[in-house]
Protein backbone atom coordinates (compact mmCIF):
# COMPACT_ATOMS: atom_id res chain seq x y z
CA UNK A 1 -28.95 -12.67 -0.66
CA UNK A 2 -26.69 -11.87 -3.64
CA UNK A 3 -23.13 -11.97 -2.90
CA UNK A 4 -21.02 -9.97 -5.75
CA UNK A 5 -17.57 -10.95 -5.64
CA UNK A 6 -15.17 -8.08 -6.64
CA UNK A 7 -11.44 -9.05 -7.72
CA UNK A 8 -8.83 -6.53 -6.61
CA UNK A 9 -5.44 -7.03 -8.88
CA UNK A 10 -2.23 -5.54 -7.68
CA UNK A 11 1.35 -5.38 -8.18
CA UNK A 12 4.64 -4.41 -6.53
CA UNK A 13 5.18 -2.14 -9.65
CA UNK A 14 2.08 0.27 -8.12
CA UNK A 15 4.83 1.68 -5.85
CA UNK A 16 7.52 2.13 -7.90
CA UNK A 17 9.79 3.11 -7.69
CA UNK A 18 10.28 1.99 -4.15
CA UNK A 19 13.58 1.34 -1.87
CA UNK A 20 13.89 -1.82 0.83
CA UNK A 21 15.85 -1.18 3.71
CA UNK A 22 16.51 -2.96 7.52
CA UNK A 23 15.66 0.51 8.71
CA UNK A 24 11.84 0.17 6.89
CA UNK A 25 10.62 0.91 3.33
CA UNK A 26 10.13 4.22 1.32
CA UNK A 27 8.05 3.84 -1.78
CA UNK A 28 5.40 5.84 -4.19
CA UNK A 29 1.80 6.25 -3.21
CA UNK A 30 -0.19 8.45 -5.27
CA UNK A 31 2.72 10.41 -6.63
CA UNK A 32 4.24 11.09 -3.52
CA UNK A 33 6.86 9.00 -1.54
CA UNK A 34 5.65 7.50 1.42
CA UNK A 35 7.05 5.50 4.19
CA UNK A 36 6.49 2.67 6.24
CA UNK A 37 8.76 1.40 9.47
CA UNK A 38 8.22 -2.46 8.40
CA UNK A 39 10.98 -3.41 5.90
CA UNK A 40 11.08 -6.45 3.42
CA UNK A 41 9.56 -7.14 -0.05
CA UNK A 42 6.76 -9.45 1.63
CA UNK A 43 5.45 -6.31 4.00
CA UNK A 44 6.28 -3.86 0.77
CA UNK A 45 3.35 -6.69 -0.71
CA UNK A 46 1.27 -6.56 1.96
CA UNK A 47 1.10 -2.81 2.25
CA UNK A 48 0.30 -2.59 -1.61
CA UNK A 49 -2.48 -4.80 -0.89
CA UNK A 50 -4.15 -3.00 2.16
CA UNK A 51 -3.57 0.03 -0.43
CA UNK A 52 -5.52 -1.88 -2.82
CA UNK A 53 -8.27 -2.24 -0.66
CA UNK A 54 -8.83 0.76 1.34
CA UNK A 55 -9.04 2.73 -2.43
CA UNK A 56 -11.26 0.19 -3.24
CA UNK A 57 -13.37 1.23 -0.08
CA UNK A 58 -13.05 4.84 -1.16
CA UNK A 59 -10.81 5.74 1.74
CA UNK A 60 -8.86 8.74 1.02
CA UNK A 61 -5.62 8.79 -0.12
CA UNK A 62 -4.30 11.19 2.70
CA UNK A 63 -5.40 8.56 5.19
CA UNK A 64 -4.11 5.92 3.75
CA UNK A 65 -0.95 7.64 3.71
CA UNK A 66 -0.94 8.46 7.50
CA UNK A 67 -2.36 5.14 8.19
CA UNK A 68 1.13 3.94 6.59
CA UNK A 69 3.70 5.48 8.76
CA UNK A 70 1.42 3.69 11.72
CA UNK A 71 2.14 -0.14 10.07
């Protein structure tokens, strides 16, 4: 069987501007402000990674934004 490898790249710049607070994160996702109850730069990087994979799989931006709120 043939396995195709894809390399996805992402950067924290993909969600600028962003704000990190103890109470959560605000960041830009598809040109709109999105929020997550998670805090910390490491969580923001994890969100960017998850969003990048979801986009690459064809998940609709509105579904991604709703999922991020529930992280």
